[in-house]
Amino acid sequence: MNKNLIWIAGILASLAVGGLIALAGSQNGALWMGLPLFTLCCGIAFIVQWFLFIPAYVFQTERYFDLAGSLTYISLVVAALYLSGARDPRSLIIGGLVIIWACRLGSFLFRRVSADGEDRRFRAIKPDFLQFLMTW
């Protein structure tokens, strides 16, 4: 089978699974302007990742891969808290802890890749647009 078809199938499968998770997680959930907030957050996650993929592919670097993941988590927490109007202590503490975790993990992994100069797992993946996109 053509490798491009495999990567395209993987991307489409990821979108399908993401869509199903968004649909399932949105049942009886919070709404923002009539849209399920959970679905909106799933969409934001894909948009942030794909937006950050563009410079990664153009410059053929994986250095910011883990920071992109952290930025996605932080964006989702901030968006969910803001758009839901959740200001209760429990929501703010949980959101704050997720942000702290995302900052700690993202910065640790970024420092590790910076010290090593690269993440070897991406050597063969970076030049292939579809494979790199599927991984991202």
N, C-alpha and C. Protein backbone atom coordinates (compact mmCIF):
# COMPACT_ATOMS: atom_id res chain seq x y z
N MET A 1 0.85 -1.19 0.00
CA MET A 1 0.00 0.00 0.00
C MET A 1 0.89 1.24 0.00
N ASN A 2 0.46 2.26 -0.70
CA ASN A 2 1.18 3.52 -0.77
C ASN A 2 1.26 4.16 0.62
N LYS A 3 2.48 4.58 1.00
CA LYS A 3 2.66 5.17 2.34
C LYS A 3 1.82 6.42 2.53
N ASN A 4 1.67 7.23 1.47
CA ASN A 4 0.84 8.43 1.60
C ASN A 4 -0.59 8.08 1.97
N LEU A 5 -1.10 6.98 1.41
CA LEU A 5 -2.45 6.56 1.76
C LEU A 5 -2.55 6.16 3.23
N ILE A 6 -1.49 5.56 3.74
CA ILE A 6 -1.46 5.18 5.16
C ILE A 6 -1.53 6.43 6.03
N TRP A 7 -0.72 7.44 5.70
CA TRP A 7 -0.70 8.66 6.51
C TRP A 7 -2.03 9.41 6.39
N ILE A 8 -2.60 9.45 5.19
CA ILE A 8 -3.90 10.10 5.01
C ILE A 8 -4.97 9.36 5.81
N ALA A 9 -4.93 8.03 5.78
CA ALA A 9 -5.88 7.24 6.56
C ALA A 9 -5.71 7.52 8.06
N GLY A 10 -4.46 7.64 8.50
CA GLY A 10 -4.20 7.95 9.90
C GLY A 10 -4.73 9.32 10.30
N ILE A 11 -4.55 10.30 9.42
CA ILE A 11 -5.06 11.65 9.69
C ILE A 11 -6.58 11.64 9.74
N LEU A 12 -7.20 10.97 8.77
CA LEU A 12 -8.67 10.89 8.75
C LEU A 12 -9.20 10.12 9.96
N ALA A 13 -8.50 9.06 10.35
CA ALA A 13 -8.91 8.30 11.54
C ALA A 13 -8.81 9.18 12.79
N SER A 14 -7.75 9.98 12.88
CA SER A 14 -7.60 10.89 14.02
C SER A 14 -8.73 11.90 14.07
N LEU A 15 -9.08 12.43 12.90
CA LEU A 15 -10.20 13.38 12.84
C LEU A 15 -11.51 12.70 13.23
N ALA A 16 -11.71 11.49 12.76
CA ALA A 16 -12.94 10.76 13.08
C ALA A 16 -13.03 10.47 14.58
N VAL A 17 -11.93 9.98 15.16
CA VAL A 17 -11.92 9.70 16.59
C VAL A 17 -12.12 10.99 17.38
N GLY A 18 -11.43 12.06 16.97
CA GLY A 18 -11.61 13.35 17.63
C GLY A 18 -13.05 13.83 17.54
N GLY A 19 -13.66 13.65 16.38
CA GLY A 19 -15.06 14.04 16.21
C GLY A 19 -16.00 13.22 17.08
N LEU A 20 -15.74 11.93 17.17
CA LEU A 20 -16.58 11.07 18.02
C LEU A 20 -16.41 11.41 19.50
N ILE A 21 -15.18 11.70 19.90
CA ILE A 21 -14.94 12.10 21.29
C ILE A 21 -15.65 13.43 21.57
N ALA A 22 -15.55 14.36 20.61
CA ALA A 22 -16.22 15.65 20.77
C ALA A 22 -17.73 15.46 20.90
N LEU A 23 -18.28 14.60 20.07
CA LEU A 23 -19.72 14.34 20.11
C LEU A 23 -20.13 13.69 21.44
N ALA A 24 -19.39 12.67 21.85
CA ALA A 24 -19.72 11.97 23.09
C ALA A 24 -19.53 12.86 24.31
N GLY A 25 -18.46 13.64 24.32
CA GLY A 25 -18.18 14.48 25.47
C GLY A 25 -19.08 15.69 25.59
N SER A 26 -19.79 16.01 24.53
CA SER A 26 -20.64 17.20 24.52
C SER A 26 -22.06 16.93 24.99
N GLN A 27 -22.40 15.69 25.23
CA GLN A 27 -23.76 15.36 25.64
C GLN A 27 -24.09 16.01 26.98
N ASN A 28 -25.12 16.84 26.99
CA ASN A 28 -25.57 17.52 28.21
C ASN A 28 -24.49 18.39 28.84
N GLY A 29 -23.55 18.85 28.04
CA GLY A 29 -22.46 19.68 28.56
C GLY A 29 -22.76 21.16 28.44
N ALA A 30 -21.80 21.94 28.87
CA ALA A 30 -21.93 23.40 28.82
C ALA A 30 -21.96 23.87 27.37
N LEU A 31 -22.69 24.96 27.16
CA LEU A 31 -22.79 25.55 25.82
C LEU A 31 -22.18 26.94 25.83
N TRP A 32 -21.66 27.33 24.69
CA TRP A 32 -21.19 28.70 24.50
C TRP A 32 -21.74 29.17 23.16
N MET A 33 -22.58 30.17 23.20
CA MET A 33 -23.25 30.70 22.01
C MET A 33 -23.96 29.57 21.24
N GLY A 34 -24.55 28.65 21.98
CA GLY A 34 -25.29 27.55 21.37
C GLY A 34 -24.46 26.37 20.93
N LEU A 35 -23.14 26.49 21.02
CA LEU A 35 -22.24 25.40 20.63
C LEU A 35 -21.78 24.64 21.86
N PRO A 36 -21.71 23.33 21.78
CA PRO A 36 -21.17 22.57 22.91
C PRO A 36 -19.71 22.98 23.17
N LEU A 37 -19.43 23.38 24.40
CA LEU A 37 -18.09 23.85 24.76
C LEU A 37 -17.04 22.76 24.57
N PHE A 38 -17.40 21.53 24.86
CA PHE A 38 -16.45 20.42 24.70
C PHE A 38 -16.05 20.27 23.23
N THR A 39 -17.03 20.36 22.33
CA THR A 39 -16.75 20.28 20.90
C THR A 39 -15.87 21.44 20.46
N LEU A 40 -16.17 22.62 20.96
CA LEU A 40 -15.36 23.80 20.64
C LEU A 40 -13.91 23.59 21.09
N CYS A 41 -13.72 23.05 22.28
CA CYS A 41 -12.36 22.80 22.77
C CYS A 41 -11.65 21.75 21.92
N CYS A 42 -12.36 20.73 21.48
CA CYS A 42 -11.75 19.74 20.58
C CYS A 42 -11.30 20.41 19.29
N GLY A 43 -12.12 21.28 18.76
CA GLY A 43 -11.75 22.02 17.55
C GLY A 43 -10.55 22.92 17.78
N ILE A 44 -10.53 23.60 18.92
CA ILE A 44 -9.39 24.46 19.26
C ILE A 44 -8.11 23.64 19.32
N ALA A 45 -8.18 22.46 19.90
CA ALA A 45 -6.99 21.60 20.01
C ALA A 45 -6.42 21.28 18.63
N PHE A 46 -7.28 20.88 17.70
CA PHE A 46 -6.81 20.58 16.35
C PHE A 46 -6.25 21.83 15.68
N ILE A 47 -6.93 22.96 15.82
CA ILE A 47 -6.49 24.20 15.17
C ILE A 47 -5.13 24.65 15.71
N VAL A 48 -4.96 24.63 17.02
CA VAL A 48 -3.67 25.04 17.61
C VAL A 48 -2.56 24.13 17.10
N GLN A 49 -2.80 22.83 17.12
CA GLN A 49 -1.77 21.89 16.68
C GLN A 49 -1.43 22.08 15.20
N TRP A 50 -2.42 22.22 14.36
CA TRP A 50 -2.15 22.38 12.93
C TRP A 50 -1.49 23.72 12.64
N PHE A 51 -1.89 24.76 13.37
CA PHE A 51 -1.26 26.07 13.19
C PHE A 51 0.22 26.00 13.54
N LEU A 52 0.55 25.32 14.63
CA LEU A 52 1.94 25.20 15.05
C LEU A 52 2.72 24.20 14.21
N PHE A 53 2.03 23.30 13.53
CA PHE A 53 2.68 22.36 12.63
C PHE A 53 3.32 23.09 11.44
N ILE A 54 2.67 24.14 10.96
CA ILE A 54 3.14 24.82 9.75
C ILE A 54 4.59 25.27 9.86
N PRO A 55 4.96 26.07 10.88
CA PRO A 55 6.38 26.45 10.96
C PRO A 55 7.30 25.26 11.26
N ALA A 56 6.79 24.26 11.98
CA ALA A 56 7.61 23.08 12.26
C ALA A 56 7.98 22.37 10.97
N TYR A 57 7.02 22.25 10.06
CA TYR A 57 7.32 21.60 8.79
C TYR A 57 8.19 22.48 7.90
N VAL A 58 7.86 23.76 7.82
CA VAL A 58 8.62 24.68 6.97
C VAL A 58 10.09 24.70 7.38
N PHE A 59 10.34 24.76 8.69
CA PHE A 59 11.72 24.84 9.19
C PHE A 59 12.30 23.47 9.55
N GLN A 60 11.52 22.40 9.29
CA GLN A 60 11.97 21.03 9.54
C GLN A 60 12.54 20.86 10.95
N THR A 61 11.72 21.21 11.93
CA THR A 61 12.15 21.10 13.31
C THR A 61 11.06 20.47 14.17
N GLU A 62 11.49 19.70 15.13
CA GLU A 62 10.59 19.13 16.12
C GLU A 62 10.84 19.75 17.48
N ARG A 63 11.70 20.76 17.52
CA ARG A 63 12.09 21.36 18.80
C ARG A 63 10.90 21.86 19.61
N TYR A 64 9.87 22.30 18.93
CA TYR A 64 8.73 22.92 19.62
C TYR A 64 7.53 21.98 19.74
N PHE A 65 7.73 20.73 19.39
CA PHE A 65 6.64 19.74 19.41
C PHE A 65 6.01 19.66 20.81
N ASP A 66 6.83 19.50 21.82
CA ASP A 66 6.33 19.34 23.18
C ASP A 66 5.79 20.65 23.74
N LEU A 67 6.41 21.77 23.37
CA LEU A 67 5.87 23.07 23.78
C LEU A 67 4.50 23.30 23.14
N ALA A 68 4.34 22.83 21.92
CA ALA A 68 3.04 22.96 21.24
C ALA A 68 1.97 22.18 22.00
N GLY A 69 2.32 21.01 22.49
CA GLY A 69 1.37 20.24 23.29
C GLY A 69 1.01 20.96 24.57
N SER A 70 2.00 21.54 25.22
CA SER A 70 1.73 22.30 26.44
C SER A 70 0.87 23.52 26.15
N LEU A 71 1.19 24.22 25.07
CA LEU A 71 0.40 25.39 24.69
C LEU A 71 -1.05 25.00 24.40
N THR A 72 -1.23 23.84 23.81
CA THR A 72 -2.59 23.37 23.52
C THR A 72 -3.35 23.12 24.82
N TYR A 73 -2.74 22.43 25.78
CA TYR A 73 -3.40 22.19 27.06
C TYR A 73 -3.75 23.51 27.75
N ILE A 74 -2.79 24.43 27.78
CA ILE A 74 -3.02 25.71 28.43
C ILE A 74 -4.15 26.47 27.74
N SER A 75 -4.14 26.48 26.41
CA SER A 75 -5.19 27.17 25.65
C SER A 75 -6.56 26.59 25.95
N LEU A 76 -6.63 25.27 26.03
CA LEU A 76 -7.91 24.62 26.29
C LEU A 76 -8.42 24.90 27.70
N VAL A 77 -7.54 24.89 28.67
CA VAL A 77 -7.96 25.18 30.04
C VAL A 77 -8.47 26.61 30.14
N VAL A 78 -7.70 27.54 29.60
CA VAL A 78 -8.10 28.95 29.66
C VAL A 78 -9.43 29.16 28.92
N ALA A 79 -9.54 28.60 27.72
CA ALA A 79 -10.78 28.74 26.94
C ALA A 79 -11.97 28.13 27.68
N ALA A 80 -11.79 26.93 28.21
CA ALA A 80 -12.89 26.25 28.90
C ALA A 80 -13.33 27.03 30.14
N LEU A 81 -12.37 27.50 30.92
CA LEU A 81 -12.73 28.27 32.12
C LEU A 81 -13.41 29.58 31.75
N TYR A 82 -12.86 30.27 30.77
CA TYR A 82 -13.41 31.57 30.39
C TYR A 82 -14.79 31.43 29.75
N LEU A 83 -14.90 30.54 28.78
CA LEU A 83 -16.15 30.43 28.03
C LEU A 83 -17.28 29.78 28.83
N SER A 84 -16.92 28.93 29.80
CA SER A 84 -17.95 28.29 30.62
C SER A 84 -18.41 29.19 31.75
N GLY A 85 -17.59 30.19 32.06
CA GLY A 85 -17.92 31.07 33.17
C GLY A 85 -17.63 30.42 34.52
N ALA A 86 -16.92 29.31 34.51
CA ALA A 86 -16.60 28.60 35.76
C ALA A 86 -15.58 29.41 36.56
N ARG A 87 -16.02 29.90 37.70
CA ARG A 87 -15.13 30.67 38.55
C ARG A 87 -15.09 30.10 39.98
N ASP A 88 -15.65 28.93 40.14
CA ASP A 88 -15.66 28.33 41.47
C ASP A 88 -14.26 27.83 41.81
N PRO A 89 -13.94 27.75 43.10
CA PRO A 89 -12.59 27.35 43.50
C PRO A 89 -12.14 26.02 42.92
N ARG A 90 -13.03 25.03 42.88
CA ARG A 90 -12.65 23.71 42.36
C ARG A 90 -12.19 23.81 40.91
N SER A 91 -12.96 24.50 40.08
CA SER A 91 -12.60 24.63 38.66
C SER A 91 -11.29 25.38 38.50
N LEU A 92 -11.12 26.45 39.26
CA LEU A 92 -9.89 27.24 39.15
C LEU A 92 -8.67 26.47 39.64
N ILE A 93 -8.83 25.69 40.70
CA ILE A 93 -7.70 24.88 41.20
C ILE A 93 -7.33 23.80 40.19
N ILE A 94 -8.33 23.09 39.68
CA ILE A 94 -8.05 22.04 38.69
C ILE A 94 -7.41 22.65 37.45
N GLY A 95 -7.97 23.74 36.96
CA GLY A 95 -7.40 24.42 35.79
C GLY A 95 -5.98 24.88 36.06
N GLY A 96 -5.76 25.46 37.23
CA GLY A 96 -4.41 25.91 37.59
C GLY A 96 -3.41 24.77 37.65
N LEU A 97 -3.83 23.64 38.20
CA LEU A 97 -2.93 22.48 38.29
C LEU A 97 -2.60 21.92 36.91
N VAL A 98 -3.59 21.91 36.01
CA VAL A 98 -3.31 21.44 34.64
C VAL A 98 -2.33 22.39 33.96
N ILE A 99 -2.49 23.69 34.17
CA ILE A 99 -1.56 24.66 33.58
C ILE A 99 -0.15 24.48 34.14
N ILE A 100 -0.05 24.29 35.45
CA ILE A 100 1.27 24.05 36.06
C ILE A 100 1.90 22.79 35.48
N TRP A 101 1.12 21.71 35.38
CA TRP A 101 1.62 20.45 34.82
C TRP A 101 2.08 20.65 33.38
N ALA A 102 1.28 21.35 32.58
CA ALA A 102 1.63 21.57 31.17
C ALA A 102 2.92 22.39 31.05
N CYS A 103 3.06 23.40 31.89
CA CYS A 103 4.29 24.22 31.86
C CYS A 103 5.50 23.40 32.28
N ARG A 104 5.35 22.63 33.34
CA ARG A 104 6.47 21.83 33.83
C ARG A 104 6.90 20.78 32.81
N LEU A 105 5.94 20.02 32.30
CA LEU A 105 6.27 18.95 31.36
C LEU A 105 6.80 19.52 30.05
N GLY A 106 6.14 20.53 29.53
CA GLY A 106 6.57 21.14 28.27
C GLY A 106 7.97 21.72 28.36
N SER A 107 8.25 22.43 29.46
CA SER A 107 9.58 23.03 29.60
C SER A 107 10.65 21.95 29.80
N PHE A 108 10.33 20.90 30.55
CA PHE A 108 11.29 19.80 30.74
C PHE A 108 11.63 19.15 29.40
N LEU A 109 10.61 18.82 28.63
CA LEU A 109 10.85 18.15 27.34
C LEU A 109 11.55 19.08 26.35
N PHE A 110 11.21 20.36 26.38
CA PHE A 110 11.88 21.32 25.50
C PHE A 110 13.36 21.43 25.86
N ARG A 111 13.67 21.50 27.16
CA ARG A 111 15.08 21.57 27.58
C ARG A 111 15.83 20.31 27.18
N ARG A 112 15.18 19.17 27.29
CA ARG A 112 15.82 17.91 26.91
C ARG A 112 16.15 17.90 25.42
N VAL A 113 15.21 18.29 24.59
CA VAL A 113 15.45 18.32 23.14
C VAL A 113 16.50 19.37 22.82
N SER A 114 16.47 20.50 23.50
CA SER A 114 17.47 21.55 23.26
C SER A 114 18.87 21.07 23.62
N ALA A 115 18.98 20.36 24.72
CA ALA A 115 20.29 19.85 25.15
C ALA A 115 20.81 18.79 24.18
N ASP A 116 19.91 17.93 23.70
CA ASP A 116 20.31 16.87 22.77
C ASP A 116 20.47 17.38 21.35
N GLY A 117 19.87 18.53 21.05
CA GLY A 117 19.95 19.08 19.71
C GLY A 117 18.84 18.62 18.79
N GLU A 118 18.20 17.51 19.13
CA GLU A 118 17.09 16.99 18.33
C GLU A 118 16.41 15.87 19.09
N ASP A 119 15.25 15.50 18.60
CA ASP A 119 14.55 14.31 19.08
C ASP A 119 14.69 13.29 17.95
N ARG A 120 15.53 12.30 18.16
CA ARG A 120 15.86 11.34 17.09
C ARG A 120 14.65 10.65 16.49
N ARG A 121 13.58 10.55 17.26
CA ARG A 121 12.38 9.88 16.74
C ARG A 121 11.83 10.58 15.51
N PHE A 122 12.16 11.85 15.34
CA PHE A 122 11.59 12.64 14.24
C PHE A 122 12.49 12.70 13.01
N ARG A 123 13.67 12.13 13.05
CA ARG A 123 14.60 12.23 11.91
C ARG A 123 13.96 11.81 10.60
N ALA A 124 13.38 10.65 10.57
CA ALA A 124 12.80 10.13 9.33
C ALA A 124 11.42 10.69 9.06
N ILE A 125 10.77 11.21 10.07
CA ILE A 125 9.39 11.68 9.94
C ILE A 125 9.32 13.09 9.36
N LYS A 126 10.21 13.98 9.79
CA LYS A 126 10.12 15.40 9.42
C LYS A 126 10.03 15.69 7.93
N PRO A 127 10.80 15.05 7.08
CA PRO A 127 10.74 15.40 5.65
C PRO A 127 9.43 15.02 4.96
N ASP A 128 8.70 14.07 5.52
CA ASP A 128 7.46 13.59 4.91
C ASP A 128 6.28 14.39 5.47
N PHE A 129 5.72 15.28 4.66
CA PHE A 129 4.65 16.17 5.10
C PHE A 129 3.51 15.42 5.78
N LEU A 130 2.98 14.40 5.13
CA LEU A 130 1.81 13.70 5.67
C LEU A 130 2.14 12.92 6.94
N GLN A 131 3.29 12.27 6.96
CA GLN A 131 3.67 11.51 8.16
C GLN A 131 3.92 12.46 9.34
N PHE A 132 4.58 13.58 9.07
CA PHE A 132 4.85 14.56 10.13
C PHE A 132 3.54 15.16 10.63
N LEU A 133 2.61 15.46 9.70
CA LEU A 133 1.31 16.00 10.10
C LEU A 133 0.53 14.99 10.93
N MET A 134 0.55 13.73 10.53
CA MET A 134 -0.16 12.72 11.30
C MET A 134 0.43 12.60 12.71
N THR A 135 1.73 12.68 12.82
CA THR A 135 2.39 12.59 14.12
C THR A 135 2.07 13.81 14.96
N TRP A 136 2.05 14.97 14.33
CA TRP A 136 1.82 16.22 15.03
C TRP A 136 0.43 16.21 15.62
